[in-house]
Amino acid sequence: MFINYFISGTVKQHLLNYYFSSTRIEEIYRSLDYSERVAISNTMNLDQ
């Protein structure tokens, strides 16, 4: 997204922290299609 170019790294990090720490992540996750969910699940499994 082009808006990324207008947001400093610090602000961007705060926004990411907000989204991932809020319950909205569940809404976002549910809105993804199946292939995106699989990709995220695989990524999370690699971290464990």
Protein backbone atom coordinates (compact mmCIF):
# COMPACT_ATOMS: atom_id res chain seq x y z
CA MET A 1 0.00 0.00 0.00
CA PHE A 2 1.30 3.42 -0.92
CA ILE A 3 0.39 4.79 2.51
CA ASN A 4 3.35 2.89 3.95
CA TYR A 5 5.66 5.45 2.37
CA PHE A 6 4.08 8.22 4.43
CA ILE A 7 4.25 6.46 7.79
CA SER A 8 7.47 6.41 9.76
CA GLY A 9 8.82 3.08 11.00
CA THR A 10 7.99 3.89 14.62
CA VAL A 11 4.38 4.79 13.89
CA LYS A 12 4.05 1.76 11.64
CA GLN A 13 5.29 -0.48 14.47
CA HIS A 14 2.75 1.00 16.88
CA LEU A 15 -0.01 0.37 14.38
CA LEU A 16 1.12 -3.22 13.90
CA ASN A 17 1.26 -3.72 17.66
CA TYR A 18 -2.26 -2.33 17.97
CA TYR A 19 -3.74 -4.57 15.32
CA PHE A 20 -2.03 -7.74 16.49
CA SER A 21 -2.79 -7.13 20.17
CA SER A 22 -6.46 -6.30 19.60
CA THR A 23 -9.36 -8.63 18.96
CA ARG A 24 -9.59 -7.21 15.44
CA ILE A 25 -6.95 -9.74 14.41
CA GLU A 26 -9.67 -12.35 14.68
CA GLU A 27 -11.88 -10.38 12.30
CA ILE A 28 -8.99 -9.94 9.89
CA TYR A 29 -8.09 -13.63 10.11
CA ARG A 30 -11.70 -14.66 9.44
CA SER A 31 -11.84 -12.36 6.40
CA LEU A 32 -8.84 -14.04 4.78
CA ASP A 33 -9.37 -16.71 2.20
CA TYR A 34 -8.27 -20.28 2.86
CA SER A 35 -4.87 -20.10 1.14
CA GLU A 36 -3.92 -17.03 3.16
CA ARG A 37 -4.90 -18.77 6.40
CA VAL A 38 -2.74 -21.77 5.50
CA ALA A 39 0.23 -19.50 4.78
CA ILE A 40 -0.17 -17.75 8.14
CA SER A 41 -0.56 -21.05 9.99
CA ASN A 42 2.57 -22.44 8.32
CA THR A 43 4.51 -19.30 9.27
CA MET A 44 3.37 -19.54 12.89
CA ASN A 45 4.29 -23.22 13.03
CA LEU A 46 7.82 -22.44 11.86
CA ASP A 47 8.25 -20.07 14.82
CA GLN A 48 7.47 -22.76 17.37
